[in-house]
Each structure stands twice: as C-alpha cells, then as structure tokens.
Amino acid sequence: MENSFKKRIPLKDEFEVLKSYIELEKLRFPEGSLQYEIVFDDALDAENTFVPPMIFQALVENAIKHGFKKTVGGTLKINVEKKGTTIACEVEDNGKGRQIFMQSKSDTDKKRIS
C-alpha cells in the first residue's frame, strides 16, 4: 500500500510486490497447483526503470481470478521485455480461456451489464 502513494516506483520493487501478491493468491489453491514464472528481458534495468505502482498487478489478478476460476490451479507466465523505449508485459495462463468462459455463461449472465 505504501507504493500506491507514489507516482512511479522501480520496476524491481513493482515485481517484488507482485510476487508477494501471487504467493498470497496461491494459498487459495491446493498446494502446488498454482505455479508461476516471471521472465525479465536482460536489456531491462529493473532498478532504474520506473513504472506506475500496481500496474502489472491488475493483469495478473485478472489471469488468476478468471483464468483459473473453478479449477484447481494452473500455470501463470509473466514476460517483461524492453521494446524500444517502452516496456511490454505479457501475462499468459493455461486457464480455460475467455472463449470457453463466454460459452459457459448462461443467457442471463450474457445480458447483464457490468
């Protein structure tokens, strides 16, 4: 929460918080059933690259909450790389996927506006 008051934090700090978040989420699943891997591009200087706090957490939370919903776990892979002057972050999960999720929703759920 301390980082949320700052405009930018080092990428290294952001991912330390993210790892803690994932470890907490792992407690909701049977032991060992939620695995994750974070891969950093060697071109990134994680201590001197600054990002808004909790920007990656939303992506990971979405993957865990929706990708692994009603399952016993899965695998989460987070790739962070430098592309020119930007940072690209890709979050992959082996959950059931959006297409299957939408097919499994009832007609009532499909009409609901959030």
PDB file of N, CA and C in Angstrom:
ATOM      1  N   MET A   1       0.820  -1.190   0.000  1.00  0.00           N
ATOM      2  CA  MET A   1       0.000   0.000   0.000  1.00  0.00           C
ATOM      3  C   MET A   1       0.866   1.257   0.000  1.00  0.00           C
ATOM      4  N   GLU A   2       2.026   1.155   0.584  1.00  0.00           N
ATOM      5  CA  GLU A   2       2.921   2.307   0.638  1.00  0.00           C
ATOM      6  C   GLU A   2       3.250   2.817  -0.767  1.00  0.00           C
ATOM      7  N   ASN A   3       3.448   1.901  -1.701  1.00  0.00           N
ATOM      8  CA  ASN A   3       3.793   2.295  -3.068  1.00  0.00           C
ATOM      9  C   ASN A   3       2.657   3.007  -3.781  1.00  0.00           C
ATOM     10  N   SER A   4       1.425   2.780  -3.374  1.00  0.00           N
ATOM     11  CA  SER A   4       0.286   3.371  -4.072  1.00  0.00           C
ATOM     12  C   SER A   4       0.247   4.891  -3.953  1.00  0.00           C
ATOM     13  N   PHE A   5       0.983   5.456  -3.024  1.00  0.00           N
ATOM     14  CA  PHE A   5       1.023   6.901  -2.859  1.00  0.00           C
ATOM     15  C   PHE A   5       2.079   7.558  -3.739  1.00  0.00           C
ATOM     16  N   LYS A   6       2.864   6.751  -4.420  1.00  0.00           N
ATOM     17  CA  LYS A   6       3.934   7.276  -5.274  1.00  0.00           C
ATOM     18  C   LYS A   6       3.479   7.256  -6.731  1.00  0.00           C
ATOM     19  N   LYS A   7       4.011   8.182  -7.517  1.00  0.00           N
ATOM     20  CA  LYS A   7       3.662   8.231  -8.941  1.00  0.00           C
ATOM     21  C   LYS A   7       4.419   7.162  -9.728  1.00  0.00           C
ATOM     22  N   ARG A   8       5.643   6.898  -9.355  1.00  0.00           N
ATOM     23  CA  ARG A   8       6.471   5.905 -10.044  1.00  0.00           C
ATOM     24  C   ARG A   8       7.351   5.183  -9.019  1.00  0.00           C
ATOM     25  N   ILE A   9       7.570   3.907  -9.291  1.00  0.00           N
ATOM     26  CA  ILE A   9       8.468   3.113  -8.437  1.00  0.00           C
ATOM     27  C   ILE A   9       9.384   2.288  -9.347  1.00  0.00           C
ATOM     28  N   PRO A  10      10.513   1.827  -8.831  1.00  0.00           N
ATOM     29  CA  PRO A  10      11.387   0.985  -9.655  1.00  0.00           C
ATOM     30  C   PRO A  10      10.680  -0.314 -10.047  1.00  0.00           C
ATOM     31  N   LEU A  11      10.933  -0.751 -11.250  1.00  0.00           N
ATOM     32  CA  LEU A  11      10.349  -1.991 -11.756  1.00  0.00           C
ATOM     33  C   LEU A  11      10.658  -3.158 -10.824  1.00  0.00           C
ATOM     34  N   LYS A  12      11.835  -3.153 -10.269  1.00  0.00           N
ATOM     35  CA  LYS A  12      12.240  -4.195  -9.318  1.00  0.00           C
ATOM     36  C   LYS A  12      11.277  -4.248  -8.128  1.00  0.00           C
ATOM     37  N   ASP A  13      10.947  -3.085  -7.578  1.00  0.00           N
ATOM     38  CA  ASP A  13      10.024  -3.015  -6.437  1.00  0.00           C
ATOM     39  C   ASP A  13       8.625  -3.465  -6.830  1.00  0.00           C
ATOM     40  N   GLU A  14       8.197  -3.063  -8.021  1.00  0.00           N
ATOM     41  CA  GLU A  14       6.875  -3.452  -8.509  1.00  0.00           C
ATOM     42  C   GLU A  14       6.750  -4.975  -8.568  1.00  0.00           C
ATOM     43  N   PHE A  15       7.804  -5.635  -9.024  1.00  0.00           N
ATOM     44  CA  PHE A  15       7.730  -7.082  -9.150  1.00  0.00           C
ATOM     45  C   PHE A  15       7.939  -7.810  -7.828  1.00  0.00           C
ATOM     46  N   GLU A  16       8.562  -7.183  -6.866  1.00  0.00           N
ATOM     47  CA  GLU A  16       8.631  -7.768  -5.525  1.00  0.00           C
ATOM     48  C   GLU A  16       7.229  -7.803  -4.912  1.00  0.00           C
ATOM     49  N   VAL A  17       6.490  -6.712  -5.073  1.00  0.00           N
ATOM     50  CA  VAL A  17       5.114  -6.657  -4.584  1.00  0.00           C
ATOM     51  C   VAL A  17       4.250  -7.663  -5.348  1.00  0.00           C
ATOM     52  N   LEU A  18       4.459  -7.751  -6.648  1.00  0.00           N
ATOM     53  CA  LEU A  18       3.691  -8.681  -7.471  1.00  0.00           C
ATOM     54  C   LEU A  18       3.928 -10.131  -7.047  1.00  0.00           C
ATOM     55  N   LYS A  19       5.165 -10.471  -6.757  1.00  0.00           N
ATOM     56  CA  LYS A  19       5.479 -11.829  -6.283  1.00  0.00           C
ATOM     57  C   LYS A  19       4.755 -12.121  -4.965  1.00  0.00           C
ATOM     58  N   SER A  20       4.724 -11.141  -4.078  1.00  0.00           N
ATOM     59  CA  SER A  20       4.014 -11.320  -2.801  1.00  0.00           C
ATOM     60  C   SER A  20       2.528 -11.532  -3.039  1.00  0.00           C
ATOM     61  N   TYR A  21       1.961 -10.775  -3.968  1.00  0.00           N
ATOM     62  CA  TYR A  21       0.549 -10.931  -4.297  1.00  0.00           C
ATOM     63  C   TYR A  21       0.272 -12.344  -4.821  1.00  0.00           C
ATOM     64  N   ILE A  22       1.107 -12.817  -5.725  1.00  0.00           N
ATOM     65  CA  ILE A  22       0.906 -14.158  -6.291  1.00  0.00           C
ATOM     66  C   ILE A  22       1.040 -15.219  -5.204  1.00  0.00           C
ATOM     67  N   GLU A  23       1.994 -15.056  -4.317  1.00  0.00           N
ATOM     68  CA  GLU A  23       2.162 -16.019  -3.225  1.00  0.00           C
ATOM     69  C   GLU A  23       0.921 -16.061  -2.339  1.00  0.00           C
ATOM     70  N   LEU A  24       0.308 -14.912  -2.090  1.00  0.00           N
ATOM     71  CA  LEU A  24      -0.941 -14.890  -1.317  1.00  0.00           C
ATOM     72  C   LEU A  24      -2.065 -15.591  -2.071  1.00  0.00           C
ATOM     73  N   GLU A  25      -2.166 -15.335  -3.360  1.00  0.00           N
ATOM     74  CA  GLU A  25      -3.203 -15.977  -4.171  1.00  0.00           C
ATOM     75  C   GLU A  25      -3.016 -17.497  -4.211  1.00  0.00           C
ATOM     76  N   LYS A  26      -1.783 -17.943  -4.186  1.00  0.00           N
ATOM     77  CA  LYS A  26      -1.503 -19.384  -4.216  1.00  0.00           C
ATOM     78  C   LYS A  26      -2.138 -20.110  -3.034  1.00  0.00           C
ATOM     79  N   LEU A  27      -2.357 -19.395  -1.944  1.00  0.00           N
ATOM     80  CA  LEU A  27      -2.949 -20.006  -0.759  1.00  0.00           C
ATOM     81  C   LEU A  27      -4.398 -20.438  -0.988  1.00  0.00           C
ATOM     82  N   ARG A  28      -5.058 -19.855  -2.005  1.00  0.00           N
ATOM     83  CA  ARG A  28      -6.449 -20.216  -2.306  1.00  0.00           C
ATOM     84  C   ARG A  28      -6.561 -21.542  -3.057  1.00  0.00           C
ATOM     85  N   PHE A  29      -5.467 -22.027  -3.577  1.00  0.00           N
ATOM     86  CA  PHE A  29      -5.456 -23.243  -4.388  1.00  0.00           C
ATOM     87  C   PHE A  29      -4.806 -24.384  -3.611  1.00  0.00           C
ATOM     88  N   PRO A  30      -5.102 -25.628  -3.994  1.00  0.00           N
ATOM     89  CA  PRO A  30      -4.400 -26.750  -3.358  1.00  0.00           C
ATOM     90  C   PRO A  30      -2.888 -26.586  -3.523  1.00  0.00           C
ATOM     91  N   GLU A  31      -2.157 -27.003  -2.520  1.00  0.00           N
ATOM     92  CA  GLU A  31      -0.709 -26.805  -2.504  1.00  0.00           C
ATOM     93  C   GLU A  31      -0.039 -27.286  -3.787  1.00  0.00           C
ATOM     94  N   GLY A  32       0.739 -26.397  -4.373  1.00  0.00           N
ATOM     95  CA  GLY A  32       1.499 -26.728  -5.574  1.00  0.00           C
ATOM     96  C   GLY A  32       0.716 -26.671  -6.870  1.00  0.00           C
ATOM     97  N   SER A  33      -0.572 -26.345  -6.811  1.00  0.00           N
ATOM     98  CA  SER A  33      -1.364 -26.393  -8.042  1.00  0.00           C
ATOM     99  C   SER A  33      -1.323 -25.089  -8.843  1.00  0.00           C
ATOM    100  N   LEU A  34      -0.923 -23.981  -8.224  1.00  0.00           N
ATOM    101  CA  LEU A  34      -0.758 -22.728  -8.953  1.00  0.00           C
ATOM    102  C   LEU A  34       0.733 -22.435  -9.045  1.00  0.00           C
ATOM    103  N   GLN A  35       1.244 -22.468 -10.245  1.00  0.00           N
ATOM    104  CA  GLN A  35       2.658 -22.219 -10.494  1.00  0.00           C
ATOM    105  C   GLN A  35       2.800 -20.914 -11.269  1.00  0.00           C
ATOM    106  N   TYR A  36       3.945 -20.262 -11.118  1.00  0.00           N
ATOM    107  CA  TYR A  36       4.191 -19.058 -11.904  1.00  0.00           C
ATOM    108  C   TYR A  36       5.666 -18.903 -12.220  1.00  0.00           C
ATOM    109  N   GLU A  37       5.904 -18.160 -13.287  1.00  0.00           N
ATOM    110  CA  GLU A  37       7.266 -17.863 -13.724  1.00  0.00           C
ATOM    111  C   GLU A  37       7.281 -16.421 -14.200  1.00  0.00           C
ATOM    112  N   ILE A  38       8.291 -15.669 -13.778  1.00  0.00           N
ATOM    113  CA  ILE A  38       8.464 -14.293 -14.239  1.00  0.00           C
ATOM    114  C   ILE A  38       9.782 -14.239 -14.999  1.00  0.00           C
ATOM    115  N   VAL A  39       9.705 -13.815 -16.255  1.00  0.00           N
ATOM    116  CA  VAL A  39      10.881 -13.753 -17.119  1.00  0.00           C
ATOM    117  C   VAL A  39      11.133 -12.292 -17.486  1.00  0.00           C
ATOM    118  N   PHE A  40      12.324 -11.802 -17.127  1.00  0.00           N
ATOM    119  CA  PHE A  40      12.737 -10.439 -17.436  1.00  0.00           C
ATOM    120  C   PHE A  40      13.724 -10.428 -18.591  1.00  0.00           C
ATOM    121  N   ASP A  41      13.537  -9.496 -19.494  1.00  0.00           N
ATOM    122  CA  ASP A  41      14.475  -9.249 -20.585  1.00  0.00           C
ATOM    123  C   ASP A  41      15.785  -8.746 -19.979  1.00  0.00           C
ATOM    124  N   ASP A  42      16.900  -9.289 -20.421  1.00  0.00           N
ATOM    125  CA  ASP A  42      18.206  -8.855 -19.915  1.00  0.00           C
ATOM    126  C   ASP A  42      18.480  -7.378 -20.204  1.00  0.00           C
ATOM    127  N   ALA A  43      17.804  -6.817 -21.200  1.00  0.00           N
ATOM    128  CA  ALA A  43      18.013  -5.417 -21.562  1.00  0.00           C
ATOM    129  C   ALA A  43      17.363  -4.448 -20.568  1.00  0.00           C
ATOM    130  N   LEU A  44      16.521  -4.960 -19.688  1.00  0.00           N
ATOM    131  CA  LEU A  44      15.850  -4.093 -18.702  1.00  0.00           C
ATOM    132  C   LEU A  44      16.726  -3.871 -17.474  1.00  0.00           C
ATOM    133  N   ASP A  45      16.832  -2.635 -17.076  1.00  0.00           N
ATOM    134  CA  ASP A  45      17.498  -2.279 -15.822  1.00  0.00           C
ATOM    135  C   ASP A  45      16.393  -2.066 -14.792  1.00  0.00           C
ATOM    136  N   ALA A  46      16.051  -3.128 -14.078  1.00  0.00           N
ATOM    137  CA  ALA A  46      14.896  -3.125 -13.182  1.00  0.00           C
ATOM    138  C   ALA A  46      15.020  -2.142 -12.018  1.00  0.00           C
ATOM    139  N   GLU A  47      16.232  -1.775 -11.654  1.00  0.00           N
ATOM    140  CA  GLU A  47      16.412  -0.830 -10.554  1.00  0.00           C
ATOM    141  C   GLU A  47      16.267   0.618 -11.001  1.00  0.00           C
ATOM    142  N   ASN A  48      16.525   0.877 -12.279  1.00  0.00           N
ATOM    143  CA  ASN A  48      16.484   2.249 -12.782  1.00  0.00           C
ATOM    144  C   ASN A  48      15.396   2.488 -13.825  1.00  0.00           C
ATOM    145  N   THR A  49      14.476   1.551 -13.935  1.00  0.00           N
ATOM    146  CA  THR A  49      13.313   1.713 -14.796  1.00  0.00           C
ATOM    147  C   THR A  49      12.118   1.925 -13.878  1.00  0.00           C
ATOM    148  N   PHE A  50      11.402   3.023 -14.083  1.00  0.00           N
ATOM    149  CA  PHE A  50      10.311   3.380 -13.180  1.00  0.00           C
ATOM    150  C   PHE A  50       8.958   3.217 -13.872  1.00  0.00           C
ATOM    151  N   VAL A  51       7.996   2.685 -13.117  1.00  0.00           N
ATOM    152  CA  VAL A  51       6.649   2.427 -13.630  1.00  0.00           C
ATOM    153  C   VAL A  51       5.627   2.875 -12.579  1.00  0.00           C
ATOM    154  N   PRO A  52       4.378   3.114 -13.013  1.00  0.00           N
ATOM    155  CA  PRO A  52       3.330   3.397 -12.024  1.00  0.00           C
ATOM    156  C   PRO A  52       3.136   2.182 -11.120  1.00  0.00           C
ATOM    157  N   PRO A  53       2.901   2.383  -9.837  1.00  0.00           N
ATOM    158  CA  PRO A  53       2.723   1.244  -8.931  1.00  0.00           C
ATOM    159  C   PRO A  53       1.472   0.436  -9.253  1.00  0.00           C
ATOM    160  N   MET A  54       1.568  -0.849  -9.062  1.00  0.00           N
ATOM    161  CA  MET A  54       0.484  -1.820  -9.203  1.00  0.00           C
ATOM    162  C   MET A  54      -0.074  -1.930 -10.621  1.00  0.00           C
ATOM    163  N   ILE A  55       0.687  -1.497 -11.605  1.00  0.00           N
ATOM    164  CA  ILE A  55       0.193  -1.553 -12.982  1.00  0.00           C
ATOM    165  C   ILE A  55       0.140  -2.992 -13.498  1.00  0.00           C
ATOM    166  N   PHE A  56       1.052  -3.824 -13.086  1.00  0.00           N
ATOM    167  CA  PHE A  56       1.070  -5.214 -13.547  1.00  0.00           C
ATOM    168  C   PHE A  56       0.155  -6.104 -12.706  1.00  0.00           C
ATOM    169  N   GLN A  57      -0.124  -5.684 -11.493  1.00  0.00           N
ATOM    170  CA  GLN A  57      -0.944  -6.478 -10.587  1.00  0.00           C
ATOM    171  C   GLN A  57      -2.336  -6.719 -11.156  1.00  0.00           C
ATOM    172  N   ALA A  58      -2.901  -5.724 -11.822  1.00  0.00           N
ATOM    173  CA  ALA A  58      -4.246  -5.876 -12.392  1.00  0.00           C
ATOM    174  C   ALA A  58      -4.282  -6.971 -13.462  1.00  0.00           C
ATOM    175  N   LEU A  59      -3.239  -7.045 -14.278  1.00  0.00           N
ATOM    176  CA  LEU A  59      -3.161  -8.085 -15.316  1.00  0.00           C
ATOM    177  C   LEU A  59      -3.069  -9.473 -14.695  1.00  0.00           C
ATOM    178  N   VAL A  60      -2.232  -9.596 -13.698  1.00  0.00           N
ATOM    179  CA  VAL A  60      -2.037 -10.889 -13.038  1.00  0.00           C
ATOM    180  C   VAL A  60      -3.290 -11.289 -12.260  1.00  0.00           C
ATOM    181  N   GLU A  61      -3.894 -10.339 -11.580  1.00  0.00           N
ATOM    182  CA  GLU A  61      -5.121 -10.629 -10.838  1.00  0.00           C
ATOM    183  C   GLU A  61      -6.212 -11.144 -11.779  1.00  0.00           C
ATOM    184  N   ASN A  62      -6.360 -10.502 -12.922  1.00  0.00           N
ATOM    185  CA  ASN A  62      -7.356 -10.926 -13.898  1.00  0.00           C
ATOM    186  C   ASN A  62      -7.091 -12.352 -14.371  1.00  0.00           C
ATOM    187  N   ALA A  63      -5.843 -12.666 -14.653  1.00  0.00           N
ATOM    188  CA  ALA A  63      -5.489 -14.015 -15.108  1.00  0.00           C
ATOM    189  C   ALA A  63      -5.797 -15.057 -14.041  1.00  0.00           C
ATOM    190  N   ILE A  64      -5.482 -14.755 -12.795  1.00  0.00           N
ATOM    191  CA  ILE A  64      -5.720 -15.712 -11.709  1.00  0.00           C
ATOM    192  C   ILE A  64      -7.213 -15.847 -11.416  1.00  0.00           C
ATOM    193  N   LYS A  65      -7.889 -14.732 -11.274  1.00  0.00           N
ATOM    194  CA  LYS A  65      -9.307 -14.761 -10.882  1.00  0.00           C
ATOM    195  C   LYS A  65     -10.205 -15.345 -11.971  1.00  0.00           C
ATOM    196  N   HIS A  66      -9.889 -15.060 -13.230  1.00  0.00           N
ATOM    197  CA  HIS A  66     -10.756 -15.509 -14.321  1.00  0.00           C
ATOM    198  C   HIS A  66     -10.204 -16.718 -15.068  1.00  0.00           C
ATOM    199  N   GLY A  67      -8.901 -16.766 -15.252  1.00  0.00           N
ATOM    200  CA  GLY A  67      -8.308 -17.890 -15.974  1.00  0.00           C
ATOM    201  C   GLY A  67      -8.392 -19.193 -15.206  1.00  0.00           C
ATOM    202  N   PHE A  68      -8.306 -19.108 -13.894  1.00  0.00           N
ATOM    203  CA  PHE A  68      -8.296 -20.316 -13.076  1.00  0.00           C
ATOM    204  C   PHE A  68      -9.577 -20.465 -12.261  1.00  0.00           C
ATOM    205  N   LYS A  69     -10.596 -19.727 -12.588  1.00  0.00           N
ATOM    206  CA  LYS A  69     -11.861 -19.811 -11.861  1.00  0.00           C
ATOM    207  C   LYS A  69     -12.418 -21.226 -11.958  1.00  0.00           C
ATOM    208  N   LYS A  70     -12.827 -21.754 -10.818  1.00  0.00           N
ATOM    209  CA  LYS A  70     -13.432 -23.092 -10.719  1.00  0.00           C
ATOM    210  C   LYS A  70     -12.488 -24.203 -11.176  1.00  0.00           C
ATOM    211  N   THR A  71     -11.208 -23.977 -11.047  1.00  0.00           N
ATOM    212  CA  THR A  71     -10.244 -25.029 -11.363  1.00  0.00           C
ATOM    213  C   THR A  71      -9.404 -25.294 -10.126  1.00  0.00           C
ATOM    214  N   VAL A  72      -8.489 -26.168 -10.253  1.00  0.00           N
ATOM    215  CA  VAL A  72      -7.608 -26.485  -9.126  1.00  0.00           C
ATOM    216  C   VAL A  72      -6.215 -25.914  -9.338  1.00  0.00           C
ATOM    217  N   GLY A  73      -6.110 -24.891 -10.146  1.00  0.00           N
ATOM    218  CA  GLY A  73      -4.812 -24.252 -10.332  1.00  0.00           C
ATOM    219  C   GLY A  73      -4.441 -24.163 -11.788  1.00  0.00           C
ATOM    220  N   GLY A  74      -3.170 -23.951 -12.008  1.00  0.00           N
ATOM    221  CA  GLY A  74      -2.671 -23.815 -13.361  1.00  0.00           C
ATOM    222  C   GLY A  74      -1.304 -23.167 -13.349  1.00  0.00           C
ATOM    223  N   THR A  75      -0.913 -22.693 -14.513  1.00  0.00           N
ATOM    224  CA  THR A  75       0.398 -22.076 -14.671  1.00  0.00           C
ATOM    225  C   THR A  75       0.239 -20.668 -15.216  1.00  0.00           C
ATOM    226  N   LEU A  76       0.978 -19.766 -14.622  1.00  0.00           N
ATOM    227  CA  LEU A  76       0.970 -18.359 -14.992  1.00  0.00           C
ATOM    228  C   LEU A  76       2.385 -17.998 -15.422  1.00  0.00           C
ATOM    229  N   LYS A  77       2.519 -17.362 -16.586  1.00  0.00           N
ATOM    230  CA  LYS A  77       3.836 -16.935 -17.052  1.00  0.00           C
ATOM    231  C   LYS A  77       3.775 -15.451 -17.363  1.00  0.00           C
ATOM    232  N   ILE A  78       4.733 -14.711 -16.809  1.00  0.00           N
ATOM    233  CA  ILE A  78       4.792 -13.270 -16.987  1.00  0.00           C
ATOM    234  C   ILE A  78       6.106 -12.942 -17.690  1.00  0.00           C
ATOM    235  N   ASN A  79       6.013 -12.377 -18.878  1.00  0.00           N
ATOM    236  CA  ASN A  79       7.191 -11.971 -19.654  1.00  0.00           C
ATOM    237  C   ASN A  79       7.264 -10.452 -19.672  1.00  0.00           C
ATOM    238  N   VAL A  80       8.406  -9.907 -19.309  1.00  0.00           N
ATOM    239  CA  VAL A  80       8.609  -8.467 -19.307  1.00  0.00           C
ATOM    240  C   VAL A  80       9.826  -8.185 -20.173  1.00  0.00           C
ATOM    241  N   GLU A  81       9.624  -7.347 -21.202  1.00  0.00           N
ATOM    242  CA  GLU A  81      10.743  -7.061 -22.087  1.00  0.00           C
ATOM    243  C   GLU A  81      10.744  -5.606 -22.520  1.00  0.00           C
ATOM    244  N   LYS A  82      11.915  -5.164 -22.911  1.00  0.00           N
ATOM    245  CA  LYS A  82      12.095  -3.806 -23.401  1.00  0.00           C
ATOM    246  C   LYS A  82      11.885  -3.829 -24.911  1.00  0.00           C
ATOM    247  N   LYS A  83      11.030  -2.939 -25.376  1.00  0.00           N
ATOM    248  CA  LYS A  83      10.784  -2.786 -26.814  1.00  0.00           C
ATOM    249  C   LYS A  83      10.982  -1.315 -27.148  1.00  0.00           C
ATOM    250  N   GLY A  84      12.162  -1.003 -27.615  1.00  0.00           N
ATOM    251  CA  GLY A  84      12.492   0.402 -27.887  1.00  0.00           C
ATOM    252  C   GLY A  84      12.534   1.176 -26.586  1.00  0.00           C
ATOM    253  N   THR A  85      11.681   2.173 -26.489  1.00  0.00           N
ATOM    254  CA  THR A  85      11.644   2.987 -25.269  1.00  0.00           C
ATOM    255  C   THR A  85      10.475   2.601 -24.369  1.00  0.00           C
ATOM    256  N   THR A  86       9.827   1.478 -24.668  1.00  0.00           N
ATOM    257  CA  THR A  86       8.692   1.041 -23.859  1.00  0.00           C
ATOM    258  C   THR A  86       8.964  -0.308 -23.211  1.00  0.00           C
ATOM    259  N   ILE A  87       8.099  -0.662 -22.285  1.00  0.00           N
ATOM    260  CA  ILE A  87       8.160  -1.955 -21.619  1.00  0.00           C
ATOM    261  C   ILE A  87       6.919  -2.732 -22.028  1.00  0.00           C
ATOM    262  N   ALA A  88       7.113  -3.947 -22.471  1.00  0.00           N
ATOM    263  CA  ALA A  88       5.983  -4.814 -22.827  1.00  0.00           C
ATOM    264  C   ALA A  88       5.862  -5.899 -21.770  1.00  0.00           C
ATOM    265  N   CYS A  89       4.654  -6.102 -21.299  1.00  0.00           N
ATOM    266  CA  CYS A  89       4.402  -7.142 -20.313  1.00  0.00           C
ATOM    267  C   CYS A  89       3.319  -8.053 -20.862  1.00  0.00           C
ATOM    268  N   GLU A  90       3.630  -9.335 -20.908  1.00  0.00           N
ATOM    269  CA  GLU A  90       2.671 -10.323 -21.393  1.00  0.00           C
ATOM    270  C   GLU A  90       2.385 -11.305 -20.270  1.00  0.00           C
ATOM    271  N   VAL A  91       1.106 -11.486 -19.984  1.00  0.00           N
ATOM    272  CA  VAL A  91       0.691 -12.417 -18.945  1.00  0.00           C
ATOM    273  C   VAL A  91      -0.053 -13.548 -19.628  1.00  0.00           C
ATOM    274  N   GLU A  92       0.473 -14.756 -19.491  1.00  0.00           N
ATOM    275  CA  GLU A  92      -0.147 -15.940 -20.076  1.00  0.00           C
ATOM    276  C   GLU A  92      -0.610 -16.864 -18.968  1.00  0.00           C
ATOM    277  N   ASP A  93      -1.759 -17.500 -19.184  1.00  0.00           N
ATOM    278  CA  ASP A  93      -2.190 -18.528 -18.249  1.00  0.00           C
ATOM    279  C   ASP A  93      -2.732 -19.694 -19.054  1.00  0.00           C
ATOM    280  N   ASN A  94      -2.745 -20.853 -18.450  1.00  0.00           N
ATOM    281  CA  ASN A  94      -3.284 -22.032 -19.141  1.00  0.00           C
ATOM    282  C   ASN A  94      -4.690 -22.360 -18.634  1.00  0.00           C
ATOM    283  N   GLY A  95      -5.398 -21.315 -18.207  1.00  0.00           N
ATOM    284  CA  GLY A  95      -6.776 -21.476 -17.759  1.00  0.00           C
ATOM    285  C   GLY A  95      -7.709 -21.757 -18.918  1.00  0.00           C
ATOM    286  N   LYS A  96      -8.992 -21.796 -18.627  1.00  0.00           N
ATOM    287  CA  LYS A  96      -9.959 -22.217 -19.637  1.00  0.00           C
ATOM    288  C   LYS A  96     -10.148 -21.228 -20.774  1.00  0.00           C
ATOM    289  N   GLY A  97      -9.742 -20.007 -20.620  1.00  0.00           N
ATOM    290  CA  GLY A  97      -9.809 -19.046 -21.711  1.00  0.00           C
ATOM    291  C   GLY A  97     -11.124 -18.312 -21.805  1.00  0.00           C
ATOM    292  N   ARG A  98     -11.056 -17.148 -22.375  1.00  0.00           N
ATOM    293  CA  ARG A  98     -12.220 -16.265 -22.478  1.00  0.00           C
ATOM    294  C   ARG A  98     -13.313 -16.857 -23.355  1.00  0.00           C
ATOM    295  N   GLN A  99     -12.951 -17.462 -24.475  1.00  0.00           N
ATOM    296  CA  GLN A  99     -13.956 -18.002 -25.398  1.00  0.00           C
ATOM    297  C   GLN A  99     -14.791 -19.093 -24.730  1.00  0.00           C
ATOM    298  N   ILE A 100     -14.144 -20.006 -24.054  1.00  0.00           N
ATOM    299  CA  ILE A 100     -14.869 -21.081 -23.372  1.00  0.00           C
ATOM    300  C   ILE A 100     -15.686 -20.513 -22.224  1.00  0.00           C
ATOM    301  N   PHE A 101     -15.131 -19.515 -21.523  1.00  0.00           N
ATOM    302  CA  PHE A 101     -15.857 -18.871 -20.425  1.00  0.00           C
ATOM    303  C   PHE A 101     -17.153 -18.248 -20.935  1.00  0.00           C
ATOM    304  N   MET A 102     -17.084 -17.546 -22.053  1.00  0.00           N
ATOM    305  CA  MET A 102     -18.279 -16.898 -22.602  1.00  0.00           C
ATOM    306  C   MET A 102     -19.303 -17.933 -23.050  1.00  0.00           C
ATOM    307  N   GLN A 103     -18.861 -19.063 -23.577  1.00  0.00           N
ATOM    308  CA  GLN A 103     -19.777 -20.117 -23.994  1.00  0.00           C
ATOM    309  C   GLN A 103     -20.484 -20.744 -22.805  1.00  0.00           C
ATOM    310  N   SER A 104     -19.803 -20.809 -21.672  1.00  0.00           N
ATOM    311  CA  SER A 104     -20.365 -21.469 -20.494  1.00  0.00           C
ATOM    312  C   SER A 104     -21.319 -20.578 -19.698  1.00  0.00           C
ATOM    313  N   LYS A 105     -21.332 -19.287 -20.000  1.00  0.00           N
ATOM    314  CA  LYS A 105     -22.214 -18.376 -19.266  1.00  0.00           C
ATOM    315  C   LYS A 105     -23.657 -18.595 -19.695  1.00  0.00           C
ATOM    316  N   SER A 106     -24.561 -18.427 -18.762  1.00  0.00           N
ATOM    317  CA  SER A 106     -25.981 -18.559 -19.078  1.00  0.00           C
ATOM    318  C   SER A 106     -26.447 -17.337 -19.865  1.00  0.00           C
ATOM    319  N   ASP A 107     -27.623 -17.435 -20.498  1.00  0.00           N
ATOM    320  CA  ASP A 107     -28.177 -16.304 -21.247  1.00  0.00           C
ATOM    321  C   ASP A 107     -28.410 -15.105 -20.340  1.00  0.00           C
ATOM    322  N   THR A 108     -28.782 -15.340 -19.100  1.00  0.00           N
ATOM    323  CA  THR A 108     -28.991 -14.261 -18.142  1.00  0.00           C
ATOM    324  C   THR A 108     -27.690 -13.513 -17.890  1.00  0.00           C
ATOM    325  N   ASP A 109     -26.608 -14.273 -17.718  1.00  0.00           N
ATOM    326  CA  ASP A 109     -25.298 -13.655 -17.480  1.00  0.00           C
ATOM    327  C   ASP A 109     -24.855 -12.827 -18.680  1.00  0.00           C
ATOM    328  N   LYS A 110     -25.158 -13.293 -19.902  1.00  0.00           N
ATOM    329  CA  LYS A 110     -24.730 -12.596 -21.111  1.00  0.00           C
ATOM    330  C   LYS A 110     -25.409 -11.237 -21.254  1.00  0.00           C
ATOM    331  N   LYS A 111     -26.638 -11.100 -20.730  1.00  0.00           N
ATOM    332  CA  LYS A 111     -27.391  -9.857 -20.847  1.00  0.00           C
ATOM    333  C   LYS A 111     -27.057  -8.867 -19.741  1.00  0.00           C
ATOM    334  N   ARG A 112     -26.352  -9.330 -18.724  1.00  0.00           N
ATOM    335  CA  ARG A 112     -26.027  -8.485 -17.584  1.00  0.00           C
ATOM    336  C   ARG A 112     -25.028  -7.404 -18.001  1.00  0.00           C
ATOM    337  N   ILE A 113     -25.241  -6.171 -17.556  1.00  0.00           N
ATOM    338  CA  ILE A 113     -24.342  -5.066 -17.827  1.00  0.00           C
ATOM    339  C   ILE A 113     -23.546  -4.804 -16.561  1.00  0.00           C
ATOM    340  N   SER A 114     -22.232  -4.785 -16.696  1.00  0.00           N
ATOM    341  CA  SER A 114     -21.415  -4.505 -15.509  1.00  0.00           C
ATOM    342  C   SER A 114     -20.923  -3.089 -15.516  1.00  0.00           C
TER     343      SER A 114
END
